[in-house]
């Protein structure tokens, strides 16, 4: 099965007896293979369209909250997190502000109670250099942890809330770290 001269699959038919396929049968199978390529491409395009629509809807939701907000950030941050969790098919997440080398949780959505209590008690989080938030803080780059529970420096999210796969996304202004968004799954399933 070829798309733009690139092999994307194989359409194979077998017989259990020695008997050649006729030209008509071969042509029919070739047509089926061509139709399968079209179906695969249509499915890919449809999925891309759905993802794009989800992202546009999420952006519109956040913009709606911003336009109706009276300058309060909490509803805006909550709307951002709720949409990010939905699109990423994740269980919970946080938006953190960064100041003087420490992080302060601004919004937590979907987090288990134990993690919320700990986060509320620990107002200024200074992550160890080896954990995902610490690595992101040092590099100012997205950190994707496929299984946080297996890391040497387990993040609190893994210890307290059963986080497994997660991403830590830096929030930058003029290349200065102003915060981070973290999205967590409680199963090992990479975020793409």
C-alpha atoms as a PDB file:
ATOM      1  CA  UNK A   1       0.000   0.000   0.000  1.00  0.00           C
ATOM      2  CA  UNK A   2       1.718   3.167  -1.217  1.00  0.00           C
ATOM      3  CA  UNK A   3       1.032   6.818  -0.479  1.00  0.00           C
ATOM      4  CA  UNK A   4       3.133   9.239  -2.495  1.00  0.00           C
ATOM      5  CA  UNK A   5       5.501   6.370  -3.319  1.00  0.00           C
ATOM      6  CA  UNK A   6       5.990   5.599   0.397  1.00  0.00           C
ATOM      7  CA  UNK A   7       5.134   2.184   1.803  1.00  0.00           C
ATOM      8  CA  UNK A   8       2.481   2.534   4.530  1.00  0.00           C
ATOM      9  CA  UNK A   9       1.167  -1.007   4.676  1.00  0.00           C
ATOM     10  CA  UNK A  10       0.618  -4.310   2.941  1.00  0.00           C
ATOM     11  CA  UNK A  11      -2.532  -5.912   1.649  1.00  0.00           C
ATOM     12  CA  UNK A  12      -1.821  -9.674   1.503  1.00  0.00           C
ATOM     13  CA  UNK A  13      -4.030 -12.580   0.426  1.00  0.00           C
ATOM     14  CA  UNK A  14      -3.042 -16.239   0.707  1.00  0.00           C
ATOM     15  CA  UNK A  15      -4.284 -19.558  -0.615  1.00  0.00           C
ATOM     16  CA  UNK A  16      -3.599 -22.926   0.924  1.00  0.00           C
ATOM     17  CA  UNK A  17      -3.302 -24.657  -2.439  1.00  0.00           C
ATOM     18  CA  UNK A  18      -1.012 -23.983  -5.359  1.00  0.00           C
ATOM     19  CA  UNK A  19      -3.135 -22.019  -7.806  1.00  0.00           C
ATOM     20  CA  UNK A  20      -2.085 -18.686  -9.333  1.00  0.00           C
ATOM     21  CA  UNK A  21      -4.239 -15.611  -8.938  1.00  0.00           C
ATOM     22  CA  UNK A  22      -5.836 -14.340 -12.128  1.00  0.00           C
ATOM     23  CA  UNK A  23      -5.071 -10.903 -13.563  1.00  0.00           C
ATOM     24  CA  UNK A  24      -8.602  -9.866 -12.640  1.00  0.00           C
ATOM     25  CA  UNK A  25      -8.129 -10.983  -9.021  1.00  0.00           C
ATOM     26  CA  UNK A  26      -4.766  -9.212  -8.783  1.00  0.00           C
ATOM     27  CA  UNK A  27      -6.289  -6.005 -10.156  1.00  0.00           C
ATOM     28  CA  UNK A  28      -9.126  -6.251  -7.645  1.00  0.00           C
ATOM     29  CA  UNK A  29      -6.677  -6.634  -4.718  1.00  0.00           C
ATOM     30  CA  UNK A  30      -4.671  -3.654  -6.022  1.00  0.00           C
ATOM     31  CA  UNK A  31      -7.873  -1.603  -6.016  1.00  0.00           C
ATOM     32  CA  UNK A  32      -8.625  -2.700  -2.454  1.00  0.00           C
ATOM     33  CA  UNK A  33      -5.097  -1.687  -1.422  1.00  0.00           C
ATOM     34  CA  UNK A  34      -5.535   1.733  -3.052  1.00  0.00           C
ATOM     35  CA  UNK A  35      -8.880   2.176  -1.273  1.00  0.00           C
ATOM     36  CA  UNK A  36      -7.280   1.171   2.030  1.00  0.00           C
ATOM     37  CA  UNK A  37      -4.638   3.893   1.527  1.00  0.00           C
ATOM     38  CA  UNK A  38      -7.397   6.437   0.926  1.00  0.00           C
ATOM     39  CA  UNK A  39      -9.263   5.252   4.049  1.00  0.00           C
ATOM     40  CA  UNK A  40      -6.089   5.487   6.173  1.00  0.00           C
ATOM     41  CA  UNK A  41      -5.347   8.997   4.893  1.00  0.00           C
ATOM     42  CA  UNK A  42      -8.948  10.129   5.427  1.00  0.00           C
ATOM     43  CA  UNK A  43      -8.872   8.784   8.992  1.00  0.00           C
ATOM     44  CA  UNK A  44      -5.596  10.608   9.677  1.00  0.00           C
ATOM     45  CA  UNK A  45      -6.980  13.867   8.283  1.00  0.00           C
ATOM     46  CA  UNK A  46     -10.215  13.488  10.249  1.00  0.00           C
ATOM     47  CA  UNK A  47      -8.271  12.895  13.479  1.00  0.00           C
ATOM     48  CA  UNK A  48      -6.120  15.965  12.791  1.00  0.00           C
ATOM     49  CA  UNK A  49      -9.271  17.992  12.161  1.00  0.00           C
ATOM     50  CA  UNK A  50     -10.816  16.777  15.434  1.00  0.00           C
ATOM     51  CA  UNK A  51      -7.650  17.653  17.375  1.00  0.00           C
ATOM     52  CA  UNK A  52      -7.526  21.084  15.770  1.00  0.00           C
ATOM     53  CA  UNK A  53     -11.190  21.671  16.599  1.00  0.00           C
ATOM     54  CA  UNK A  54     -10.598  20.592  20.221  1.00  0.00           C
ATOM     55  CA  UNK A  55      -7.696  23.018  20.507  1.00  0.00           C
ATOM     56  CA  UNK A  56      -9.684  25.852  18.942  1.00  0.00           C
ATOM     57  CA  UNK A  57     -12.634  25.146  21.241  1.00  0.00           C
ATOM     58  CA  UNK A  58     -10.326  25.107  24.276  1.00  0.00           C
ATOM     59  CA  UNK A  59      -8.763  28.405  23.213  1.00  0.00           C
ATOM     60  CA  UNK A  60     -12.213  29.930  22.694  1.00  0.00           C
ATOM     61  CA  UNK A  61     -13.279  28.719  26.161  1.00  0.00           C
ATOM     62  CA  UNK A  62     -10.248  30.345  27.791  1.00  0.00           C
ATOM     63  CA  UNK A  63     -10.715  33.578  25.818  1.00  0.00           C
ATOM     64  CA  UNK A  64     -14.363  33.652  26.923  1.00  0.00           C
ATOM     65  CA  UNK A  65     -13.302  33.358  30.569  1.00  0.00           C
ATOM     66  CA  UNK A  66     -10.682  36.079  30.081  1.00  0.00           C
ATOM     67  CA  UNK A  67     -13.220  38.433  28.477  1.00  0.00           C
ATOM     68  CA  UNK A  68     -15.705  37.971  31.327  1.00  0.00           C
ATOM     69  CA  UNK A  69     -13.073  38.042  34.058  1.00  0.00           C
ATOM     70  CA  UNK A  70     -12.855  41.141  36.222  1.00  0.00           C
ATOM     71  CA  UNK A  71      -9.088  40.890  36.446  1.00  0.00           C
ATOM     72  CA  UNK A  72      -9.104  37.737  38.577  1.00  0.00           C
ATOM     73  CA  UNK A  73      -6.611  35.138  37.429  1.00  0.00           C
ATOM     74  CA  UNK A  74      -8.016  32.076  39.230  1.00  0.00           C
ATOM     75  CA  UNK A  75     -10.963  31.521  36.820  1.00  0.00           C
ATOM     76  CA  UNK A  76      -8.656  31.984  33.826  1.00  0.00           C
ATOM     77  CA  UNK A  77      -6.054  29.559  35.198  1.00  0.00           C
ATOM     78  CA  UNK A  78      -8.757  27.019  36.081  1.00  0.00           C
ATOM     79  CA  UNK A  79     -10.231  27.207  32.574  1.00  0.00           C
ATOM     80  CA  UNK A  80      -6.767  26.724  31.075  1.00  0.00           C
ATOM     81  CA  UNK A  81      -6.073  23.704  33.258  1.00  0.00           C
ATOM     82  CA  UNK A  82      -9.480  22.092  32.695  1.00  0.00           C
ATOM     83  CA  UNK A  83      -9.091  22.390  28.933  1.00  0.00           C
ATOM     84  CA  UNK A  84      -5.484  21.159  28.999  1.00  0.00           C
ATOM     85  CA  UNK A  85      -6.498  18.124  31.068  1.00  0.00           C
ATOM     86  CA  UNK A  86      -9.370  17.316  28.728  1.00  0.00           C
ATOM     87  CA  UNK A  87      -7.269  17.621  25.574  1.00  0.00           C
ATOM     88  CA  UNK A  88      -4.349  15.664  27.071  1.00  0.00           C
ATOM     89  CA  UNK A  89      -6.674  13.011  28.550  1.00  0.00           C
ATOM     90  CA  UNK A  90      -4.968  13.563  31.888  1.00  0.00           C
ATOM     91  CA  UNK A  91      -6.213  13.133  35.455  1.00  0.00           C
ATOM     92  CA  UNK A  92      -4.933  16.295  37.139  1.00  0.00           C
ATOM     93  CA  UNK A  93      -2.661  19.277  36.759  1.00  0.00           C
ATOM     94  CA  UNK A  94      -1.261  22.412  38.308  1.00  0.00           C
ATOM     95  CA  UNK A  95      -0.312  25.879  37.268  1.00  0.00           C
ATOM     96  CA  UNK A  96       2.570  27.225  39.341  1.00  0.00           C
ATOM     97  CA  UNK A  97       4.092  30.687  39.553  1.00  0.00           C
ATOM     98  CA  UNK A  98       7.874  31.002  39.816  1.00  0.00           C
ATOM     99  CA  UNK A  99       9.563  33.632  41.925  1.00  0.00           C
ATOM    100  CA  UNK A 100      12.995  33.798  43.600  1.00  0.00           C
ATOM    101  CA  UNK A 101      13.818  30.180  42.717  1.00  0.00           C
ATOM    102  CA  UNK A 102      10.602  28.777  44.238  1.00  0.00           C
ATOM    103  CA  UNK A 103       7.251  27.714  42.852  1.00  0.00           C
ATOM    104  CA  UNK A 104       3.845  28.593  44.287  1.00  0.00           C
ATOM    105  CA  UNK A 105       0.763  26.605  43.235  1.00  0.00           C
ATOM    106  CA  UNK A 106      -1.814  28.961  41.738  1.00  0.00           C
ATOM    107  CA  UNK A 107      -4.337  26.432  40.489  1.00  0.00           C
ATOM    108  CA  UNK A 108      -4.799  22.700  40.978  1.00  0.00           C
ATOM    109  CA  UNK A 109      -7.450  20.856  39.011  1.00  0.00           C
ATOM    110  CA  UNK A 110      -8.404  17.246  39.638  1.00  0.00           C
ATOM    111  CA  UNK A 111      -5.605  16.621  42.138  1.00  0.00           C
ATOM    112  CA  UNK A 112      -6.232  14.072  44.902  1.00  0.00           C
ATOM    113  CA  UNK A 113      -6.970  15.574  48.338  1.00  0.00           C
ATOM    114  CA  UNK A 114      -3.678  14.412  49.842  1.00  0.00           C
ATOM    115  CA  UNK A 115      -1.702  16.305  47.178  1.00  0.00           C
ATOM    116  CA  UNK A 116      -3.867  19.418  47.613  1.00  0.00           C
ATOM    117  CA  UNK A 117      -3.287  19.461  51.390  1.00  0.00           C
ATOM    118  CA  UNK A 118       0.460  19.083  50.951  1.00  0.00           C
ATOM    119  CA  UNK A 119       0.573  21.786  48.289  1.00  0.00           C
ATOM    120  CA  UNK A 120      -1.410  24.175  50.474  1.00  0.00           C
ATOM    121  CA  UNK A 121       0.904  23.517  53.431  1.00  0.00           C
ATOM    122  CA  UNK A 122       4.052  24.008  51.357  1.00  0.00           C
ATOM    123  CA  UNK A 123       3.680  27.557  50.053  1.00  0.00           C
ATOM    124  CA  UNK A 124       7.097  27.849  48.391  1.00  0.00           C
ATOM    125  CA  UNK A 125       8.255  24.693  46.633  1.00  0.00           C
ATOM    126  CA  UNK A 126      11.951  24.461  45.801  1.00  0.00           C
ATOM    127  CA  UNK A 127      12.222  21.306  43.707  1.00  0.00           C
ATOM    128  CA  UNK A 128      15.321  19.125  43.901  1.00  0.00           C
ATOM    129  CA  UNK A 129      17.499  19.498  40.769  1.00  0.00           C
ATOM    130  CA  UNK A 130      16.860  15.905  39.621  1.00  0.00           C
ATOM    131  CA  UNK A 131      13.076  15.863  39.643  1.00  0.00           C
ATOM    132  CA  UNK A 132      11.073  16.941  36.575  1.00  0.00           C
ATOM    133  CA  UNK A 133      10.111  20.391  37.903  1.00  0.00           C
ATOM    134  CA  UNK A 134      13.728  20.992  38.941  1.00  0.00           C
ATOM    135  CA  UNK A 135      15.016  19.928  35.501  1.00  0.00           C
ATOM    136  CA  UNK A 136      12.515  22.194  33.761  1.00  0.00           C
ATOM    137  CA  UNK A 137      13.493  25.059  36.060  1.00  0.00           C
ATOM    138  CA  UNK A 138      17.175  24.594  35.215  1.00  0.00           C
ATOM    139  CA  UNK A 139      16.746  24.159  31.425  1.00  0.00           C
ATOM    140  CA  UNK A 140      13.578  26.217  30.808  1.00  0.00           C
ATOM    141  CA  UNK A 141      12.556  23.385  28.462  1.00  0.00           C
ATOM    142  CA  UNK A 142       9.557  21.058  28.477  1.00  0.00           C
ATOM    143  CA  UNK A 143      10.195  17.916  30.524  1.00  0.00           C
ATOM    144  CA  UNK A 144       8.271  14.758  29.633  1.00  0.00           C
ATOM    145  CA  UNK A 145       8.452  11.979  32.192  1.00  0.00           C
ATOM    146  CA  UNK A 146       7.050   8.689  30.939  1.00  0.00           C
ATOM    147  CA  UNK A 147       7.026   7.131  34.430  1.00  0.00           C
ATOM    148  CA  UNK A 148       7.659   9.526  37.310  1.00  0.00           C
ATOM    149  CA  UNK A 149       7.322   6.705  39.835  1.00  0.00           C
ATOM    150  CA  UNK A 150      10.445   5.032  38.463  1.00  0.00           C
ATOM    151  CA  UNK A 151      12.643   8.150  38.585  1.00  0.00           C
ATOM    152  CA  UNK A 152      15.505   8.395  41.076  1.00  0.00           C
ATOM    153  CA  UNK A 153      14.185  11.707  42.386  1.00  0.00           C
ATOM    154  CA  UNK A 154      10.466  10.968  42.599  1.00  0.00           C
ATOM    155  CA  UNK A 155       8.344  14.119  42.366  1.00  0.00           C
ATOM    156  CA  UNK A 156       5.757  14.760  45.084  1.00  0.00           C
ATOM    157  CA  UNK A 157       3.038  14.169  42.491  1.00  0.00           C
ATOM    158  CA  UNK A 158       4.198  10.538  42.198  1.00  0.00           C
ATOM    159  CA  UNK A 159       4.584  10.095  45.952  1.00  0.00           C
ATOM    160  CA  UNK A 160       1.302  11.705  47.017  1.00  0.00           C
ATOM    161  CA  UNK A 161      -1.018  11.449  44.039  1.00  0.00           C
ATOM    162  CA  UNK A 162       0.061   8.397  42.074  1.00  0.00           C
ATOM    163  CA  UNK A 163       1.268  10.430  39.088  1.00  0.00           C
ATOM    164  CA  UNK A 164       3.014   8.337  36.471  1.00  0.00           C
ATOM    165  CA  UNK A 165       3.316   9.965  33.038  1.00  0.00           C
ATOM    166  CA  UNK A 166       3.484  13.728  33.046  1.00  0.00           C
ATOM    167  CA  UNK A 167       4.793  16.834  31.382  1.00  0.00           C
ATOM    168  CA  UNK A 168       6.144  20.034  32.882  1.00  0.00           C
ATOM    169  CA  UNK A 169       5.816  23.001  30.535  1.00  0.00           C
ATOM    170  CA  UNK A 170       7.700  26.228  31.286  1.00  0.00           C
ATOM    171  CA  UNK A 171       5.884  29.556  31.212  1.00  0.00           C
ATOM    172  CA  UNK A 172       8.393  32.073  29.870  1.00  0.00           C
ATOM    173  CA  UNK A 173       8.387  35.841  29.390  1.00  0.00           C
ATOM    174  CA  UNK A 174      11.428  37.243  27.577  1.00  0.00           C
ATOM    175  CA  UNK A 175      13.162  33.902  28.294  1.00  0.00           C
ATOM    176  CA  UNK A 176      12.616  34.369  32.041  1.00  0.00           C
ATOM    177  CA  UNK A 177      10.814  31.599  33.888  1.00  0.00           C
ATOM    178  CA  UNK A 178       7.551  32.956  35.319  1.00  0.00           C
ATOM    179  CA  UNK A 179       5.860  29.638  36.035  1.00  0.00           C
ATOM    180  CA  UNK A 180       5.030  26.150  34.886  1.00  0.00           C
ATOM    181  CA  UNK A 181       2.068  24.056  33.877  1.00  0.00           C
ATOM    182  CA  UNK A 182       2.154  20.407  34.904  1.00  0.00           C
ATOM    183  CA  UNK A 183      -0.159  17.751  33.511  1.00  0.00           C
ATOM    184  CA  UNK A 184      -0.309  14.283  35.107  1.00  0.00           C
ATOM    185  CA  UNK A 185      -1.654  10.879  34.227  1.00  0.00           C
ATOM    186  CA  UNK A 186      -1.992   8.139  36.818  1.00  0.00           C
ATOM    187  CA  UNK A 187      -1.075   5.460  34.296  1.00  0.00           C
ATOM    188  CA  UNK A 188       2.097   5.016  32.276  1.00  0.00           C
ATOM    189  CA  UNK A 189       1.019   6.487  28.935  1.00  0.00           C
ATOM    190  CA  UNK A 190       3.260   9.092  27.324  1.00  0.00           C
ATOM    191  CA  UNK A 191       1.755  12.470  26.468  1.00  0.00           C
ATOM    192  CA  UNK A 192       2.229  13.214  22.786  1.00  0.00           C
END
